[in-house]
Amino acid sequence: MNVLNAAGFVQMLANFGFPIVITFYLLFRFEKRIERIEHLLQESKECPGSTPTKEGKDE
């Protein structure tokens, strides 16, 4: 496949573009969750006697 012509470029984008877009989407989603977990762990270190709730606040 020749990448220099437009058809070859479009074919490569179609073959590799979609999986890459999905990968980045999932990475960004998981990044938000990981940051939230890190925040909850930091809170639990600061207050060892408390239990964080689902919203991240103490009961």
C-alpha atoms as a PDB file:
ATOM      1  CA  MET A   1       0.000   0.000   0.000  1.00  0.00           C
ATOM      2  CA  ASN A   2       1.399   3.363  -1.022  1.00  0.00           C
ATOM      3  CA  VAL A   3       0.902   5.988   1.689  1.00  0.00           C
ATOM      4  CA  LEU A   4       1.814   8.867  -0.607  1.00  0.00           C
ATOM      5  CA  ASN A   5      -1.481   8.799  -2.495  1.00  0.00           C
ATOM      6  CA  ALA A   6      -4.769   9.941  -0.958  1.00  0.00           C
ATOM      7  CA  ALA A   7      -6.449   6.547  -1.166  1.00  0.00           C
ATOM      8  CA  GLY A   8      -3.601   4.898   0.745  1.00  0.00           C
ATOM      9  CA  PHE A   9      -3.723   7.576   3.440  1.00  0.00           C
ATOM     10  CA  VAL A  10      -7.502   7.242   3.840  1.00  0.00           C
ATOM     11  CA  GLN A  11      -7.171   3.458   4.038  1.00  0.00           C
ATOM     12  CA  MET A  12      -4.509   3.698   6.764  1.00  0.00           C
ATOM     13  CA  LEU A  13      -6.623   6.190   8.709  1.00  0.00           C
ATOM     14  CA  ALA A  14      -9.617   3.889   8.460  1.00  0.00           C
ATOM     15  CA  ASN A  15      -7.592   0.878   9.581  1.00  0.00           C
ATOM     16  CA  PHE A  16      -5.656   2.471  12.425  1.00  0.00           C
ATOM     17  CA  GLY A  17      -7.600   5.630  13.278  1.00  0.00           C
ATOM     18  CA  PHE A  18     -10.656   4.085  14.887  1.00  0.00           C
ATOM     19  CA  PRO A  19      -8.763   1.818  17.310  1.00  0.00           C
ATOM     20  CA  ILE A  20      -6.493   4.690  18.309  1.00  0.00           C
ATOM     21  CA  VAL A  21      -9.453   6.998  18.962  1.00  0.00           C
ATOM     22  CA  ILE A  22     -11.165   4.355  21.099  1.00  0.00           C
ATOM     23  CA  THR A  23      -7.935   3.720  23.024  1.00  0.00           C
ATOM     24  CA  PHE A  24      -7.484   7.395  23.874  1.00  0.00           C
ATOM     25  CA  TYR A  25     -11.152   7.706  24.859  1.00  0.00           C
ATOM     26  CA  LEU A  26     -10.854   4.791  27.272  1.00  0.00           C
ATOM     27  CA  LEU A  27      -7.545   6.065  28.674  1.00  0.00           C
ATOM     28  CA  PHE A  28      -9.068   9.455  29.451  1.00  0.00           C
ATOM     29  CA  ARG A  29     -12.098   7.840  31.088  1.00  0.00           C
ATOM     30  CA  PHE A  30      -9.909   5.646  33.273  1.00  0.00           C
ATOM     31  CA  GLU A  31      -7.626   8.576  34.077  1.00  0.00           C
ATOM     32  CA  LYS A  32     -10.542  10.423  35.697  1.00  0.00           C
ATOM     33  CA  ARG A  33     -11.407   7.362  37.768  1.00  0.00           C
ATOM     34  CA  ILE A  34      -7.800   6.828  38.834  1.00  0.00           C
ATOM     35  CA  GLU A  35      -7.498  10.478  39.902  1.00  0.00           C
ATOM     36  CA  ARG A  36     -10.685  10.121  41.957  1.00  0.00           C
ATOM     37  CA  ILE A  37      -9.331   6.970  43.634  1.00  0.00           C
ATOM     38  CA  GLU A  38      -6.054   8.768  44.415  1.00  0.00           C
ATOM     39  CA  HIS A  39      -8.007  11.646  45.950  1.00  0.00           C
ATOM     40  CA  LEU A  40     -10.049   9.260  48.114  1.00  0.00           C
ATOM     41  CA  LEU A  41      -6.886   7.488  49.254  1.00  0.00           C
ATOM     42  CA  GLN A  42      -5.304  10.802  50.236  1.00  0.00           C
ATOM     43  CA  GLU A  43      -8.442  11.697  52.209  1.00  0.00           C
ATOM     44  CA  SER A  44      -8.394   8.346  53.983  1.00  0.00           C
ATOM     45  CA  LYS A  45      -4.725   8.868  54.948  1.00  0.00           C
ATOM     46  CA  GLU A  46      -5.578  12.244  56.487  1.00  0.00           C
ATOM     47  CA  CYS A  47      -8.526  10.857  58.500  1.00  0.00           C
ATOM     48  CA  PRO A  48      -7.704   7.231  59.374  1.00  0.00           C
ATOM     49  CA  GLY A  49     -10.781   6.775  61.608  1.00  0.00           C
ATOM     50  CA  SER A  50     -13.320   7.825  58.983  1.00  0.00           C
ATOM     51  CA  THR A  51     -14.848   5.834  56.150  1.00  0.00           C
ATOM     52  CA  PRO A  52     -15.344   7.601  52.807  1.00  0.00           C
ATOM     53  CA  THR A  53     -18.797   7.270  51.254  1.00  0.00           C
ATOM     54  CA  LYS A  54     -19.640   6.843  47.592  1.00  0.00           C
ATOM     55  CA  GLU A  55     -19.564  10.617  47.073  1.00  0.00           C
ATOM     56  CA  GLY A  56     -16.133  10.823  48.666  1.00  0.00           C
ATOM     57  CA  LYS A  57     -17.405  12.449  51.867  1.00  0.00           C
ATOM     58  CA  ASP A  58     -17.261  11.071  55.391  1.00  0.00           C
ATOM     59  CA  GLU A  59     -20.358   9.477  56.880  1.00  0.00           C
END
